[in-house]
Amino acid sequence: MRVRVDEDSCQGQQMCSIAAPEVFGSDELGHATVLI
């Protein structure tokens, strides 16, 4: 399985981190990152 952040669709609201905190996080600038 490959997990990635679709930067064109990402709005920076951290909804992915709320929905799946074990998979998604954010960097020091608030951009979504994949943790796995």
PDB file of N, CA and C in Angstrom:
ATOM      1  N   MET A   1       0.844  -1.157   0.000  1.00  0.00           N
ATOM      2  CA  MET A   1       0.000   0.000   0.000  1.00  0.00           C
ATOM      3  C   MET A   1       0.896   1.229   0.000  1.00  0.00           C
ATOM      4  N   ARG A   2       0.506   2.213  -0.771  1.00  0.00           N
ATOM      5  CA  ARG A   2       1.239   3.472  -0.817  1.00  0.00           C
ATOM      6  C   ARG A   2       0.291   4.585  -0.363  1.00  0.00           C
ATOM      7  N   VAL A   3       0.728   5.362   0.593  1.00  0.00           N
ATOM      8  CA  VAL A   3      -0.065   6.472   1.118  1.00  0.00           C
ATOM      9  C   VAL A   3       0.668   7.758   0.795  1.00  0.00           C
ATOM     10  N   ARG A   4      -0.065   8.747   0.289  1.00  0.00           N
ATOM     11  CA  ARG A   4       0.547  10.039  -0.002  1.00  0.00           C
ATOM     12  C   ARG A   4      -0.472  11.145   0.227  1.00  0.00           C
ATOM     13  N   VAL A   5       0.021  12.349   0.343  1.00  0.00           N
ATOM     14  CA  VAL A   5      -0.823  13.531   0.500  1.00  0.00           C
ATOM     15  C   VAL A   5      -1.033  14.130  -0.883  1.00  0.00           C
ATOM     16  N   ASP A   6      -2.283  14.325  -1.271  1.00  0.00           N
ATOM     17  CA  ASP A   6      -2.600  14.982  -2.539  1.00  0.00           C
ATOM     18  C   ASP A   6      -2.547  16.487  -2.289  1.00  0.00           C
ATOM     19  N   GLU A   7      -1.420  17.080  -2.612  1.00  0.00           N
ATOM     20  CA  GLU A   7      -1.197  18.492  -2.299  1.00  0.00           C
ATOM     21  C   GLU A   7      -2.126  19.425  -3.069  1.00  0.00           C
ATOM     22  N   ASP A   8      -2.673  18.978  -4.202  1.00  0.00           N
ATOM     23  CA  ASP A   8      -3.625  19.799  -4.953  1.00  0.00           C
ATOM     24  C   ASP A   8      -4.979  19.865  -4.252  1.00  0.00           C
ATOM     25  N   SER A   9      -5.334  18.810  -3.519  1.00  0.00           N
ATOM     26  CA  SER A   9      -6.619  18.760  -2.821  1.00  0.00           C
ATOM     27  C   SER A   9      -6.530  19.215  -1.370  1.00  0.00           C
ATOM     28  N   CYS A  10      -5.340  19.162  -0.792  1.00  0.00           N
ATOM     29  CA  CYS A  10      -5.155  19.512   0.611  1.00  0.00           C
ATOM     30  C   CYS A  10      -5.448  20.991   0.837  1.00  0.00           C
ATOM     31  N   GLN A  11      -6.268  21.275   1.855  1.00  0.00           N
ATOM     32  CA  GLN A  11      -6.622  22.648   2.187  1.00  0.00           C
ATOM     33  C   GLN A  11      -5.954  23.119   3.468  1.00  0.00           C
ATOM     34  N   GLY A  12      -5.124  22.285   4.073  1.00  0.00           N
ATOM     35  CA  GLY A  12      -4.388  22.678   5.267  1.00  0.00           C
ATOM     36  C   GLY A  12      -5.217  22.760   6.530  1.00  0.00           C
ATOM     37  N   GLN A  13      -6.328  22.043   6.582  1.00  0.00           N
ATOM     38  CA  GLN A  13      -7.197  22.078   7.757  1.00  0.00           C
ATOM     39  C   GLN A  13      -6.931  20.936   8.729  1.00  0.00           C
ATOM     40  N   GLN A  14      -5.949  20.093   8.418  1.00  0.00           N
ATOM     41  CA  GLN A  14      -5.535  18.966   9.268  1.00  0.00           C
ATOM     42  C   GLN A  14      -6.631  17.926   9.465  1.00  0.00           C
ATOM     43  N   MET A  15      -7.599  17.846   8.551  1.00  0.00           N
ATOM     44  CA  MET A  15      -8.661  16.849   8.664  1.00  0.00           C
ATOM     45  C   MET A  15      -8.116  15.432   8.527  1.00  0.00           C
ATOM     46  N   CYS A  16      -7.068  15.255   7.723  1.00  0.00           N
ATOM     47  CA  CYS A  16      -6.480  13.917   7.588  1.00  0.00           C
ATOM     48  C   CYS A  16      -5.851  13.482   8.909  1.00  0.00           C
ATOM     49  N   SER A  17      -5.224  14.406   9.618  1.00  0.00           N
ATOM     50  CA  SER A  17      -4.610  14.084  10.913  1.00  0.00           C
ATOM     51  C   SER A  17      -5.657  13.751  11.962  1.00  0.00           C
ATOM     52  N   ILE A  18      -6.793  14.389  11.890  1.00  0.00           N
ATOM     53  CA  ILE A  18      -7.883  14.103  12.824  1.00  0.00           C
ATOM     54  C   ILE A  18      -8.491  12.739  12.520  1.00  0.00           C
ATOM     55  N   ALA A  19      -8.670  12.435  11.228  1.00  0.00           N
ATOM     56  CA  ALA A  19      -9.290  11.174  10.823  1.00  0.00           C
ATOM     57  C   ALA A  19      -8.369   9.981  11.038  1.00  0.00           C
ATOM     58  N   ALA A  20      -7.069  10.166  10.800  1.00  0.00           N
ATOM     59  CA  ALA A  20      -6.122   9.049  10.909  1.00  0.00           C
ATOM     60  C   ALA A  20      -4.794   9.543  11.474  1.00  0.00           C
ATOM     61  N   PRO A  21      -4.743   9.840  12.781  1.00  0.00           N
ATOM     62  CA  PRO A  21      -3.529  10.400  13.379  1.00  0.00           C
ATOM     63  C   PRO A  21      -2.335   9.451  13.359  1.00  0.00           C
ATOM     64  N   GLU A  22      -2.581   8.143  13.222  1.00  0.00           N
ATOM     65  CA  GLU A  22      -1.478   7.195  13.146  1.00  0.00           C
ATOM     66  C   GLU A  22      -0.826   7.189  11.762  1.00  0.00           C
ATOM     67  N   VAL A  23      -1.487   7.802  10.783  1.00  0.00           N
ATOM     68  CA  VAL A  23      -0.984   7.819   9.405  1.00  0.00           C
ATOM     69  C   VAL A  23      -0.485   9.201   8.998  1.00  0.00           C
ATOM     70  N   PHE A  24      -1.212  10.255   9.388  1.00  0.00           N
ATOM     71  CA  PHE A  24      -0.890  11.609   8.949  1.00  0.00           C
ATOM     72  C   PHE A  24      -0.482  12.506  10.112  1.00  0.00           C
ATOM     73  N   GLY A  25       0.449  13.390   9.847  1.00  0.00           N
ATOM     74  CA  GLY A  25       0.889  14.385  10.812  1.00  0.00           C
ATOM     75  C   GLY A  25       1.109  15.689  10.078  1.00  0.00           C
ATOM     76  N   SER A  26       1.839  16.601  10.702  1.00  0.00           N
ATOM     77  CA  SER A  26       2.148  17.861  10.030  1.00  0.00           C
ATOM     78  C   SER A  26       3.570  18.270  10.370  1.00  0.00           C
ATOM     79  N   ASP A  27       4.177  18.990   9.443  1.00  0.00           N
ATOM     80  CA  ASP A  27       5.537  19.461   9.666  1.00  0.00           C
ATOM     81  C   ASP A  27       5.505  20.804  10.392  1.00  0.00           C
ATOM     82  N   GLU A  28       6.660  21.417  10.570  1.00  0.00           N
ATOM     83  CA  GLU A  28       6.749  22.668  11.325  1.00  0.00           C
ATOM     84  C   GLU A  28       6.037  23.833  10.642  1.00  0.00           C
ATOM     85  N   LEU A  29       5.749  23.695   9.349  1.00  0.00           N
ATOM     86  CA  LEU A  29       5.023  24.738   8.618  1.00  0.00           C
ATOM     87  C   LEU A  29       3.527  24.457   8.531  1.00  0.00           C
ATOM     88  N   GLY A  30       3.098  23.324   9.093  1.00  0.00           N
ATOM     89  CA  GLY A  30       1.688  22.968   9.071  1.00  0.00           C
ATOM     90  C   GLY A  30       1.260  22.176   7.853  1.00  0.00           C
ATOM     91  N   HIS A  31       2.216  21.769   7.018  1.00  0.00           N
ATOM     92  CA  HIS A  31       1.893  20.960   5.847  1.00  0.00           C
ATOM     93  C   HIS A  31       1.708  19.506   6.261  1.00  0.00           C
ATOM     94  N   ALA A  32       0.747  18.844   5.633  1.00  0.00           N
ATOM     95  CA  ALA A  32       0.476  17.442   5.946  1.00  0.00           C
ATOM     96  C   ALA A  32       1.646  16.563   5.532  1.00  0.00           C
ATOM     97  N   THR A  33       1.935  15.574   6.362  1.00  0.00           N
ATOM     98  CA  THR A  33       2.981  14.600   6.072  1.00  0.00           C
ATOM     99  C   THR A  33       2.458  13.202   6.373  1.00  0.00           C
ATOM    100  N   VAL A  34       3.049  12.217   5.735  1.00  0.00           N
ATOM    101  CA  VAL A  34       2.709  10.818   5.976  1.00  0.00           C
ATOM    102  C   VAL A  34       3.701  10.277   6.996  1.00  0.00           C
ATOM    103  N   LEU A  35       3.195   9.667   8.060  1.00  0.00           N
ATOM    104  CA  LEU A  35       4.039   9.178   9.151  1.00  0.00           C
ATOM    105  C   LEU A  35       4.491   7.740   8.961  1.00  0.00           C
ATOM    106  N   ILE A  36       3.830   6.999   8.100  1.00  0.00           N
ATOM    107  CA  ILE A  36       4.196   5.580   7.932  1.00  0.00           C
ATOM    108  C   ILE A  36       5.024   5.376   6.690  1.00  0.00           C
TER     109      ILE A  36
END
